[in-house]
Structures are given as C-alpha cells and as structure tokens.
Amino acid sequence: MSVIRIKQWAAPIDARKATILDAALDAGVPYPHGCRSGECGACKCRLLAGQVKSYGYSPDALSKRECAAGLILACRSRPVGDIEIAWLDDAAPSPQHAIQTLDATVIGREQATHDITRLHLEAAGQPLTFSAGQYAELGFGGLPTRPYSMANIPGNGPLEFHIRQLQGGLVSNYVANELCVGDPVKIEGPYGSAQLRENAARPMLLVAGGSGLAPIKSILLAALALPWRGAIHLYHGVRDARDLYDVGLLSELASRHRFRFVPVLSAPATATSPHHGFV
C-alpha cells in the first residue's frame, strides 16, 4: 500500500488509491485546497520524492513551467508507490472540519434574480459544521453532485445556497424547474480553504461575481458578528441591475457597520449605476 508523507505533517498517510488531496482530507490533514477539480491551484504542492500519475487540469492552475519545476496539484495526482510532498510555504493550512455526509430537506426556495434560486436547507440530526467561505457537494434527485457555497453564517440555523441556472446545466435546471419545498437533498462537506481567518482582523477586500456572492456573504456576516477591527470593502459584479440581489440587506449592513458596499455593472441596459466595469 502506498504511503504519502507530507513535510508539514508528522504522521504518514495511507494513499488507498485516492488522490493526494482526498487521502489527506480523509486522514484529517488540514490540507490547503479549493475547487478539488484542478481549476484553482490552491492545492499546489512540491513533489519531493516518488512519482505520481496526474489527471487533467487547467493550465491556469498549474503551468508547464511549474510542472517542470516539480510542482503538482494534490487534487489531480495519485501516488505511484510511496511519495513525499510539501505544500507551498504561502499555503497556510486552514481550520479543518471533519467531512460530514448529511440528509437534508428543502424548507424554502425563492428567486433571488431571474436566474438565481435561493435555497434554504435543513439538515437532519447534527448541523453541518463549517467555516465561513467554505462549500459543500449537494445531491438533488439522484443527479450528480455539484459544489455550492454556503451563504449563511456558520451555526445551527438553515443552510442557504445561491444556485444560478446555466444553459444546458443538468443540476441547475433541475433546481430551477423541478425542485420543491420538502424534497430531500444530500450534503457532503465542508470543503475549501478560502475562508474567514477569524483571528486576523485585518482590512478585508471582498470581491464577488454573480452567485459567487454566496461565500462572500457568509464571510461578511461572520466578520460582522466578531469585533472585527479592519476596514471591509465589498464589490459585487454583475452584468445588469436585474442581476443584483441582496442589495437592500447589504446596503443596510454597510450603513450600520460602516463598511463599503459597491455594486458594479459590466453591461448595464441603462445608465442606472455610477459604477461600471468588469469584476
């Protein structure tokens, strides 16, 4: 059985024919990661010894030059025999939550915009434990799971998700057109290292595009619930005014907590916003 040794982690890990990232997460290692699909590069690490078999990934996540220098993506690499790796020095591990598999029920749904559905889910039994900014894999109606970020503050309340309907999207069209209140949903998570560092209390720049507001909203609400001392700036980029949502809530919070909220339109139908550009 292949063994994975990580420079920043004392105990060796059983590879069990999984990717480096999956094996590490299953072993409770707070391994830095994001998308788990070879798109973001957050799990980039250095192969110190041994060999791996790599699978398809975006060149934006790992360039040819980085690959030649011995860097690999933990989420797209399986060990071939024993290996030793080190995550990059600037990829500090985040607080780690155990991966949970939960049954949940849709307790609310509404149209946030013309193409974004806001879902509220209630988990049966124990709540999903996560840090603000993380995501979970959701399974609807026996369809393949998809990753969606939690938009609510971590705690015991309902889970909130923002799901944008995509042209030809199997799951997003099911959510938009068929999912009903009372339907069951499978939840697995949490995943992701892009999360609020609660002990940082530094100035914070939050940038979101479209339904990407979900994890940013969670981070914002969690920060505002703390004695956060740093300045906060939030930019939400969409195409047109009809694509904006939660403007009332965010504007009210900005006024009450004195942070800056800036909606930005990239292709407005009319000149209704002073802030134009691409976010």
C-alpha atoms as a PDB file:
ATOM      1  CA  MET A   1       0.000   0.000   0.000  1.00  0.00           C
ATOM      2  CA  SER A   2       1.401   3.391  -0.985  1.00  0.00           C
ATOM      3  CA  VAL A   3       2.237   5.904   1.720  1.00  0.00           C
ATOM      4  CA  ILE A   4       2.119   9.701   1.479  1.00  0.00           C
ATOM      5  CA  ARG A   5       4.473  11.748   3.633  1.00  0.00           C
ATOM      6  CA  ILE A   6       3.836  15.495   3.940  1.00  0.00           C
ATOM      7  CA  LYS A   7       6.665  17.745   5.101  1.00  0.00           C
ATOM      8  CA  GLN A   8       4.315  19.837   7.256  1.00  0.00           C
ATOM      9  CA  TRP A   9       2.525  16.825   8.799  1.00  0.00           C
ATOM     10  CA  ALA A  10       4.177  14.340  11.160  1.00  0.00           C
ATOM     11  CA  ALA A  11       2.140  11.192  10.510  1.00  0.00           C
ATOM     12  CA  PRO A  12       2.333   9.250   7.216  1.00  0.00           C
ATOM     13  CA  ILE A  13      -0.925   8.791   5.291  1.00  0.00           C
ATOM     14  CA  ASP A  14      -2.314   5.702   3.606  1.00  0.00           C
ATOM     15  CA  ALA A  15      -2.831   6.642  -0.057  1.00  0.00           C
ATOM     16  CA  ARG A  16      -5.516   3.907  -0.570  1.00  0.00           C
ATOM     17  CA  LYS A  17      -5.637   4.534  -4.349  1.00  0.00           C
ATOM     18  CA  ALA A  18      -7.100   8.033  -3.860  1.00  0.00           C
ATOM     19  CA  THR A  19      -5.770  11.386  -4.953  1.00  0.00           C
ATOM     20  CA  ILE A  20      -3.287  13.005  -2.590  1.00  0.00           C
ATOM     21  CA  LEU A  21      -5.880  15.565  -1.536  1.00  0.00           C
ATOM     22  CA  ASP A  22      -8.683  13.081  -0.867  1.00  0.00           C
ATOM     23  CA  ALA A  23      -6.366  10.822   1.126  1.00  0.00           C
ATOM     24  CA  ALA A  24      -5.111  13.767   3.159  1.00  0.00           C
ATOM     25  CA  LEU A  25      -8.586  15.130   3.906  1.00  0.00           C
ATOM     26  CA  ASP A  26      -9.851  11.682   4.884  1.00  0.00           C
ATOM     27  CA  ALA A  27      -6.918  11.415   7.307  1.00  0.00           C
ATOM     28  CA  GLY A  28      -7.840  14.724   8.937  1.00  0.00           C
ATOM     29  CA  VAL A  29      -4.974  16.717   7.449  1.00  0.00           C
ATOM     30  CA  PRO A  30      -5.844  20.451   7.088  1.00  0.00           C
ATOM     31  CA  TYR A  31      -4.580  20.387   3.514  1.00  0.00           C
ATOM     32  CA  PRO A  32      -4.928  23.713   1.655  1.00  0.00           C
ATOM     33  CA  HIS A  33      -7.426  23.306  -1.184  1.00  0.00           C
ATOM     34  CA  GLY A  34     -10.211  24.969  -3.096  1.00  0.00           C
ATOM     35  CA  CYS A  35     -12.127  23.539  -6.051  1.00  0.00           C
ATOM     36  CA  ARG A  36     -10.944  19.872  -5.873  1.00  0.00           C
ATOM     37  CA  SER A  37     -11.231  19.715  -9.684  1.00  0.00           C
ATOM     38  CA  GLY A  38      -7.916  21.083 -10.999  1.00  0.00           C
ATOM     39  CA  GLU A  39      -9.205  24.582 -11.714  1.00  0.00           C
ATOM     40  CA  CYS A  40      -7.921  26.866  -8.936  1.00  0.00           C
ATOM     41  CA  GLY A  41      -4.404  25.753  -7.967  1.00  0.00           C
ATOM     42  CA  ALA A  42      -4.987  26.132  -4.224  1.00  0.00           C
ATOM     43  CA  CYS A  43      -3.712  22.589  -3.539  1.00  0.00           C
ATOM     44  CA  LYS A  44      -0.483  23.098  -5.491  1.00  0.00           C
ATOM     45  CA  CYS A  45       2.442  21.346  -3.824  1.00  0.00           C
ATOM     46  CA  ARG A  46       6.016  20.229  -4.448  1.00  0.00           C
ATOM     47  CA  LEU A  47       6.799  16.569  -5.165  1.00  0.00           C
ATOM     48  CA  LEU A  48       9.952  15.876  -3.120  1.00  0.00           C
ATOM     49  CA  ALA A  49      10.264  12.138  -3.742  1.00  0.00           C
ATOM     50  CA  GLY A  50       8.461   9.408  -5.637  1.00  0.00           C
ATOM     51  CA  GLN A  51       6.155   9.504  -8.640  1.00  0.00           C
ATOM     52  CA  VAL A  52       2.523  10.391  -9.254  1.00  0.00           C
ATOM     53  CA  LYS A  53       0.018   9.899 -12.043  1.00  0.00           C
ATOM     54  CA  SER A  54      -1.644  13.206 -12.897  1.00  0.00           C
ATOM     55  CA  TYR A  55      -5.056  13.744 -14.461  1.00  0.00           C
ATOM     56  CA  GLY A  56      -6.497  16.616 -16.475  1.00  0.00           C
ATOM     57  CA  TYR A  57      -6.325  20.125 -15.016  1.00  0.00           C
ATOM     58  CA  SER A  58      -6.449  23.739 -16.134  1.00  0.00           C
ATOM     59  CA  PRO A  59      -3.150  25.305 -17.272  1.00  0.00           C
ATOM     60  CA  ASP A  60      -4.194  28.328 -15.218  1.00  0.00           C
ATOM     61  CA  ALA A  61      -3.936  26.151 -12.109  1.00  0.00           C
ATOM     62  CA  LEU A  62      -0.538  24.614 -12.974  1.00  0.00           C
ATOM     63  CA  SER A  63       1.675  25.918 -15.763  1.00  0.00           C
ATOM     64  CA  LYS A  64       4.163  23.874 -17.801  1.00  0.00           C
ATOM     65  CA  ARG A  65       6.998  25.748 -16.113  1.00  0.00           C
ATOM     66  CA  GLU A  66       5.671  24.889 -12.653  1.00  0.00           C
ATOM     67  CA  CYS A  67       5.209  21.262 -13.683  1.00  0.00           C
ATOM     68  CA  ALA A  68       8.813  21.118 -14.925  1.00  0.00           C
ATOM     69  CA  ALA A  69       9.922  22.568 -11.578  1.00  0.00           C
ATOM     70  CA  GLY A  70       8.372  19.632  -9.706  1.00  0.00           C
ATOM     71  CA  LEU A  71       5.034  21.137  -8.707  1.00  0.00           C
ATOM     72  CA  ILE A  72       1.843  19.074  -8.837  1.00  0.00           C
ATOM     73  CA  LEU A  73      -1.837  19.512  -7.946  1.00  0.00           C
ATOM     74  CA  ALA A  74      -2.812  17.326  -4.997  1.00  0.00           C
ATOM     75  CA  CYS A  75      -6.398  17.077  -6.221  1.00  0.00           C
ATOM     76  CA  ARG A  76      -5.351  15.684  -9.627  1.00  0.00           C
ATOM     77  CA  SER A  77      -2.473  13.404  -8.611  1.00  0.00           C
ATOM     78  CA  ARG A  78      -2.450   9.788  -7.439  1.00  0.00           C
ATOM     79  CA  PRO A  79       0.709   8.284  -5.904  1.00  0.00           C
ATOM     80  CA  VAL A  80       2.586   5.571  -7.787  1.00  0.00           C
ATOM     81  CA  GLY A  81       4.318   3.978  -4.810  1.00  0.00           C
ATOM     82  CA  ASP A  82       5.451   5.909  -1.737  1.00  0.00           C
ATOM     83  CA  ILE A  83       5.814   9.674  -2.149  1.00  0.00           C
ATOM     84  CA  GLU A  84       6.865  12.732  -0.177  1.00  0.00           C
ATOM     85  CA  ILE A  85       5.381  16.179  -0.800  1.00  0.00           C
ATOM     86  CA  ALA A  86       5.282  19.658   0.725  1.00  0.00           C
ATOM     87  CA  TRP A  87       2.574  22.214   0.274  1.00  0.00           C
ATOM     88  CA  LEU A  88       3.864  25.653  -0.646  1.00  0.00           C
ATOM     89  CA  ASP A  89       5.070  27.945   2.112  1.00  0.00           C
ATOM     90  CA  ASP A  90       2.386  30.575   1.434  1.00  0.00           C
ATOM     91  CA  ALA A  91      -0.418  27.979   1.507  1.00  0.00           C
ATOM     92  CA  ALA A  92      -1.061  28.087   5.233  1.00  0.00           C
ATOM     93  CA  PRO A  93      -3.469  25.367   6.413  1.00  0.00           C
ATOM     94  CA  SER A  94      -6.942  26.456   7.472  1.00  0.00           C
ATOM     95  CA  PRO A  95      -9.040  25.237  10.383  1.00  0.00           C
ATOM     96  CA  GLN A  96     -10.141  21.718   9.481  1.00  0.00           C
ATOM     97  CA  HIS A  97     -13.664  20.383   9.933  1.00  0.00           C
ATOM     98  CA  ALA A  98     -14.499  16.714   9.614  1.00  0.00           C
ATOM     99  CA  ILE A  99     -16.189  15.839   6.314  1.00  0.00           C
ATOM    100  CA  GLN A 100     -19.856  15.092   7.010  1.00  0.00           C
ATOM    101  CA  THR A 101     -22.495  13.341   4.921  1.00  0.00           C
ATOM    102  CA  LEU A 102     -25.939  14.602   5.858  1.00  0.00           C
ATOM    103  CA  ASP A 103     -29.537  14.184   4.771  1.00  0.00           C
ATOM    104  CA  ALA A 104     -31.346  17.495   4.403  1.00  0.00           C
ATOM    105  CA  THR A 105     -34.721  18.839   3.317  1.00  0.00           C
ATOM    106  CA  VAL A 106     -35.604  21.886   1.245  1.00  0.00           C
ATOM    107  CA  ILE A 107     -37.501  24.171   3.651  1.00  0.00           C
ATOM    108  CA  GLY A 108     -37.533  27.266   1.449  1.00  0.00           C
ATOM    109  CA  ARG A 109     -36.840  28.450  -2.078  1.00  0.00           C
ATOM    110  CA  GLU A 110     -37.211  31.778  -3.841  1.00  0.00           C
ATOM    111  CA  GLN A 111     -35.963  33.598  -6.909  1.00  0.00           C
ATOM    112  CA  ALA A 112     -33.141  35.899  -5.882  1.00  0.00           C
ATOM    113  CA  THR A 113     -32.869  37.089  -9.510  1.00  0.00           C
ATOM    114  CA  HIS A 114     -34.244  35.966 -12.875  1.00  0.00           C
ATOM    115  CA  ASP A 115     -31.664  33.139 -12.974  1.00  0.00           C
ATOM    116  CA  ILE A 116     -30.537  32.580  -9.355  1.00  0.00           C
ATOM    117  CA  THR A 117     -32.522  30.407  -6.951  1.00  0.00           C
ATOM    118  CA  ARG A 118     -32.005  30.864  -3.236  1.00  0.00           C
ATOM    119  CA  LEU A 119     -32.385  27.601  -1.321  1.00  0.00           C
ATOM    120  CA  HIS A 120     -32.765  27.052   2.405  1.00  0.00           C
ATOM    121  CA  LEU A 121     -31.950  23.530   3.593  1.00  0.00           C
ATOM    122  CA  GLU A 122     -32.421  21.959   6.997  1.00  0.00           C
ATOM    123  CA  ALA A 123     -30.090  19.104   7.889  1.00  0.00           C
ATOM    124  CA  ALA A 124     -31.492  16.146   9.783  1.00  0.00           C
ATOM    125  CA  GLY A 125     -29.799  15.430  13.099  1.00  0.00           C
ATOM    126  CA  GLN A 126     -26.487  17.228  13.547  1.00  0.00           C
ATOM    127  CA  PRO A 127     -25.829  20.532  11.765  1.00  0.00           C
ATOM    128  CA  LEU A 128     -23.154  20.991   9.108  1.00  0.00           C
ATOM    129  CA  THR A 129     -20.033  22.346  10.801  1.00  0.00           C
ATOM    130  CA  PHE A 130     -18.103  24.715   8.524  1.00  0.00           C
ATOM    131  CA  SER A 131     -16.122  27.942   8.348  1.00  0.00           C
ATOM    132  CA  ALA A 132     -17.437  30.999   6.527  1.00  0.00           C
ATOM    133  CA  GLY A 133     -16.440  30.802   2.857  1.00  0.00           C
ATOM    134  CA  GLN A 134     -16.469  27.013   2.508  1.00  0.00           C
ATOM    135  CA  TYR A 135     -18.660  24.909   0.202  1.00  0.00           C
ATOM    136  CA  ALA A 136     -20.427  21.550   0.132  1.00  0.00           C
ATOM    137  CA  GLU A 137     -21.325  18.984  -2.504  1.00  0.00           C
ATOM    138  CA  LEU A 138     -25.119  18.881  -2.962  1.00  0.00           C
ATOM    139  CA  GLY A 139     -27.048  15.987  -4.465  1.00  0.00           C
ATOM    140  CA  PHE A 140     -30.570  16.512  -5.847  1.00  0.00           C
ATOM    141  CA  GLY A 141     -32.944  13.857  -7.173  1.00  0.00           C
ATOM    142  CA  GLY A 142     -30.284  11.218  -7.839  1.00  0.00           C
ATOM    143  CA  LEU A 143     -28.339  13.570 -10.123  1.00  0.00           C
ATOM    144  CA  PRO A 144     -24.543  14.019  -9.961  1.00  0.00           C
ATOM    145  CA  THR A 145     -23.424  16.173  -7.037  1.00  0.00           C
ATOM    146  CA  ARG A 146     -22.375  19.770  -7.586  1.00  0.00           C
ATOM    147  CA  PRO A 147     -20.352  22.130  -5.362  1.00  0.00           C
ATOM    148  CA  TYR A 148     -22.191  25.137  -3.922  1.00  0.00           C
ATOM    149  CA  SER A 149     -21.028  27.543  -1.232  1.00  0.00           C
ATOM    150  CA  MET A 150     -22.902  28.211   1.982  1.00  0.00           C
ATOM    151  CA  ALA A 151     -24.190  31.797   2.150  1.00  0.00           C
ATOM    152  CA  ASN A 152     -25.221  31.835   5.804  1.00  0.00           C
ATOM    153  CA  ILE A 153     -23.161  32.431   8.895  1.00  0.00           C
ATOM    154  CA  PRO A 154     -21.915  29.157  10.440  1.00  0.00           C
ATOM    155  CA  GLY A 155     -24.210  27.925  13.181  1.00  0.00           C
ATOM    156  CA  ASN A 156     -27.286  25.858  13.851  1.00  0.00           C
ATOM    157  CA  GLY A 157     -29.722  27.614  11.509  1.00  0.00           C
ATOM    158  CA  PRO A 158     -30.843  26.595   8.000  1.00  0.00           C
ATOM    159  CA  LEU A 159     -28.188  26.403   5.281  1.00  0.00           C
ATOM    160  CA  GLU A 160     -28.503  28.960   2.480  1.00  0.00           C
ATOM    161  CA  PHE A 161     -27.303  28.359  -1.093  1.00  0.00           C
ATOM    162  CA  HIS A 162     -27.461  30.507  -4.249  1.00  0.00           C
ATOM    163  CA  ILE A 163     -27.756  28.404  -7.413  1.00  0.00           C
ATOM    164  CA  ARG A 164     -27.537  30.040 -10.811  1.00  0.00           C
ATOM    165  CA  GLN A 165     -29.385  28.405 -13.693  1.00  0.00           C
ATOM    166  CA  LEU A 166     -26.963  27.579 -16.508  1.00  0.00           C
ATOM    167  CA  GLN A 167     -27.907  26.925 -20.100  1.00  0.00           C
ATOM    168  CA  GLY A 168     -27.829  23.147 -20.522  1.00  0.00           C
ATOM    169  CA  GLY A 169     -26.970  22.667 -16.843  1.00  0.00           C
ATOM    170  CA  LEU A 170     -28.395  19.338 -15.706  1.00  0.00           C
ATOM    171  CA  VAL A 171     -28.444  20.114 -11.988  1.00  0.00           C
ATOM    172  CA  SER A 172     -29.064  23.873 -12.077  1.00  0.00           C
ATOM    173  CA  ASN A 173     -32.063  23.413 -14.391  1.00  0.00           C
ATOM    174  CA  TYR A 174     -33.444  20.735 -12.098  1.00  0.00           C
ATOM    175  CA  VAL A 175     -33.150  23.113  -9.144  1.00  0.00           C
ATOM    176  CA  ALA A 176     -34.762  25.957 -11.101  1.00  0.00           C
ATOM    177  CA  ASN A 177     -37.641  23.985 -12.616  1.00  0.00           C
ATOM    178  CA  GLU A 178     -38.346  20.844 -10.580  1.00  0.00           C
ATOM    179  CA  LEU A 179     -37.009  21.049  -7.020  1.00  0.00           C
ATOM    180  CA  CYS A 180     -39.765  21.672  -4.469  1.00  0.00           C
ATOM    181  CA  VAL A 181     -40.042  22.526  -0.795  1.00  0.00           C
ATOM    182  CA  GLY A 182     -39.974  19.239   1.116  1.00  0.00           C
ATOM    183  CA  ASP A 183     -37.651  17.474  -1.338  1.00  0.00           C
ATOM    184  CA  PRO A 184     -34.617  15.602   0.075  1.00  0.00           C
ATOM    185  CA  VAL A 185     -31.051  16.759  -0.560  1.00  0.00           C
ATOM    186  CA  LYS A 186     -27.742  15.019   0.162  1.00  0.00           C
ATOM    187  CA  ILE A 187     -24.974  17.190   1.622  1.00  0.00           C
ATOM    188  CA  GLU A 188     -21.274  16.314   1.816  1.00  0.00           C
ATOM    189  CA  GLY A 189     -18.709  18.722   3.193  1.00  0.00           C
ATOM    190  CA  PRO A 190     -17.377  21.142   4.103  1.00  0.00           C
ATOM    191  CA  TYR A 191     -14.612  21.713   1.575  1.00  0.00           C
ATOM    192  CA  GLY A 192     -12.359  24.615   0.621  1.00  0.00           C
ATOM    193  CA  SER A 193      -9.602  26.725   2.169  1.00  0.00           C
ATOM    194  CA  ALA A 194     -10.933  30.135   1.039  1.00  0.00           C
ATOM    195  CA  GLN A 195     -12.433  31.002   4.394  1.00  0.00           C
ATOM    196  CA  LEU A 196     -12.504  33.685   7.061  1.00  0.00           C
ATOM    197  CA  ARG A 197      -9.482  33.746   9.362  1.00  0.00           C
ATOM    198  CA  GLU A 198     -11.239  34.917  12.495  1.00  0.00           C
ATOM    199  CA  ASN A 199      -8.063  35.908  14.345  1.00  0.00           C
ATOM    200  CA  ALA A 200      -6.745  38.105  11.523  1.00  0.00           C
ATOM    201  CA  ALA A 201      -8.879  41.251  11.992  1.00  0.00           C
ATOM    202  CA  ARG A 202      -7.066  42.979   9.115  1.00  0.00           C
ATOM    203  CA  PRO A 203      -8.526  45.122   6.322  1.00  0.00           C
ATOM    204  CA  MET A 204     -10.572  42.839   4.083  1.00  0.00           C
ATOM    205  CA  LEU A 205     -11.346  43.160   0.367  1.00  0.00           C
ATOM    206  CA  LEU A 206     -14.299  41.007  -0.708  1.00  0.00           C
ATOM    207  CA  VAL A 207     -14.932  40.572  -4.457  1.00  0.00           C
ATOM    208  CA  ALA A 208     -17.800  38.527  -5.884  1.00  0.00           C
ATOM    209  CA  GLY A 209     -19.333  37.932  -9.288  1.00  0.00           C
ATOM    210  CA  GLY A 210     -22.965  36.844  -9.735  1.00  0.00           C
ATOM    211  CA  SER A 211     -23.944  33.929  -7.479  1.00  0.00           C
ATOM    212  CA  GLY A 212     -20.354  33.963  -6.208  1.00  0.00           C
ATOM    213  CA  LEU A 213     -21.790  36.364  -3.648  1.00  0.00           C
ATOM    214  CA  ALA A 214     -22.773  33.307  -1.558  1.00  0.00           C
ATOM    215  CA  PRO A 215     -19.415  32.556   0.147  1.00  0.00           C
ATOM    216  CA  ILE A 216     -18.613  36.259   0.343  1.00  0.00           C
ATOM    217  CA  LYS A 217     -21.900  36.905   2.138  1.00  0.00           C
ATOM    218  CA  SER A 218     -21.062  34.156   4.638  1.00  0.00           C
ATOM    219  CA  ILE A 219     -17.610  35.653   5.255  1.00  0.00           C
ATOM    220  CA  LEU A 220     -19.068  39.152   5.641  1.00  0.00           C
ATOM    221  CA  LEU A 221     -21.770  38.098   8.108  1.00  0.00           C
ATOM    222  CA  ALA A 222     -19.273  36.096  10.160  1.00  0.00           C
ATOM    223  CA  ALA A 223     -16.820  39.012  10.273  1.00  0.00           C
ATOM    224  CA  LEU A 224     -19.549  41.464  11.313  1.00  0.00           C
ATOM    225  CA  ALA A 225     -20.506  39.123  14.159  1.00  0.00           C
ATOM    226  CA  LEU A 226     -16.961  39.500  15.521  1.00  0.00           C
ATOM    227  CA  PRO A 227     -15.254  42.568  16.968  1.00  0.00           C
ATOM    228  CA  TRP A 228     -13.627  42.986  13.524  1.00  0.00           C
ATOM    229  CA  ARG A 229     -11.282  45.972  13.611  1.00  0.00           C
ATOM    230  CA  GLY A 230     -10.179  46.114   9.978  1.00  0.00           C
ATOM    231  CA  ALA A 231     -11.912  48.032   7.204  1.00  0.00           C
ATOM    232  CA  ILE A 232     -14.143  45.968   4.904  1.00  0.00           C
ATOM    233  CA  HIS A 233     -14.802  46.673   1.206  1.00  0.00           C
ATOM    234  CA  LEU A 234     -17.282  44.539  -0.772  1.00  0.00           C
ATOM    235  CA  TYR A 235     -17.579  44.691  -4.575  1.00  0.00           C
ATOM    236  CA  HIS A 236     -20.341  42.672  -6.259  1.00  0.00           C
ATOM    237  CA  GLY A 237     -20.012  42.480 -10.028  1.00  0.00           C
ATOM    238  CA  VAL A 238     -22.899  41.543 -12.356  1.00  0.00           C
ATOM    239  CA  ARG A 239     -23.920  42.330 -15.931  1.00  0.00           C
ATOM    240  CA  ASP A 240     -27.036  44.436 -15.334  1.00  0.00           C
ATOM    241  CA  ALA A 241     -29.120  45.834 -12.490  1.00  0.00           C
ATOM    242  CA  ARG A 242     -31.552  42.905 -12.770  1.00  0.00           C
ATOM    243  CA  ASP A 243     -28.698  40.538 -11.841  1.00  0.00           C
ATOM    244  CA  LEU A 244     -28.123  42.206  -8.467  1.00  0.00           C
ATOM    245  CA  TYR A 245     -29.646  40.738  -5.319  1.00  0.00           C
ATOM    246  CA  ASP A 246     -29.455  41.225  -1.547  1.00  0.00           C
ATOM    247  CA  VAL A 247     -28.797  44.908  -2.258  1.00  0.00           C
ATOM    248  CA  GLY A 248     -31.174  46.045   0.479  1.00  0.00           C
ATOM    249  CA  LEU A 249     -29.595  43.785   3.090  1.00  0.00           C
ATOM    250  CA  LEU A 250     -26.024  44.646   2.134  1.00  0.00           C
ATOM    251  CA  SER A 251     -26.743  48.394   1.950  1.00  0.00           C
ATOM    252  CA  GLU A 252     -28.382  48.324   5.380  1.00  0.00           C
ATOM    253  CA  LEU A 253     -25.466  46.370   6.854  1.00  0.00           C
ATOM    254  CA  ALA A 254     -22.983  48.770   5.229  1.00  0.00           C
ATOM    255  CA  SER A 255     -24.750  51.715   6.821  1.00  0.00           C
ATOM    256  CA  ARG A 256     -24.972  50.093  10.236  1.00  0.00           C
ATOM    257  CA  HIS A 257     -21.443  48.659  10.352  1.00  0.00           C
ATOM    258  CA  ARG A 258     -19.673  51.303   8.263  1.00  0.00           C
ATOM    259  CA  PHE A 259     -18.172  49.067   5.619  1.00  0.00           C
ATOM    260  CA  ARG A 260     -18.177  49.890   1.912  1.00  0.00           C
ATOM    261  CA  PHE A 261     -20.555  48.053  -0.448  1.00  0.00           C
ATOM    262  CA  VAL A 262     -20.145  48.716  -4.190  1.00  0.00           C
ATOM    263  CA  PRO A 263     -22.362  47.036  -6.833  1.00  0.00           C
ATOM    264  CA  VAL A 264     -20.586  47.074 -10.219  1.00  0.00           C
ATOM    265  CA  LEU A 265     -22.333  46.591 -13.597  1.00  0.00           C
ATOM    266  CA  SER A 266     -20.374  45.372 -16.608  1.00  0.00           C
ATOM    267  CA  ALA A 267     -23.090  45.696 -19.286  1.00  0.00           C
ATOM    268  CA  PRO A 268     -25.946  47.846 -17.945  1.00  0.00           C
ATOM    269  CA  ALA A 269     -29.011  48.210 -20.155  1.00  0.00           C
ATOM    270  CA  THR A 270     -29.421  51.778 -18.916  1.00  0.00           C
ATOM    271  CA  ALA A 271     -27.159  54.208 -17.113  1.00  0.00           C
ATOM    272  CA  THR A 272     -28.553  53.426 -13.665  1.00  0.00           C
ATOM    273  CA  SER A 273     -25.310  52.872 -11.733  1.00  0.00           C
ATOM    274  CA  PRO A 274     -22.277  55.111 -11.256  1.00  0.00           C
ATOM    275  CA  HIS A 275     -20.042  52.036 -11.029  1.00  0.00           C
ATOM    276  CA  HIS A 276     -19.352  50.365 -14.368  1.00  0.00           C
ATOM    277  CA  GLY A 277     -16.675  47.786 -15.176  1.00  0.00           C
ATOM    278  CA  PHE A 278     -15.824  44.114 -15.103  1.00  0.00           C
ATOM    279  CA  VAL A 279     -15.301  42.362 -11.776  1.00  0.00           C
END
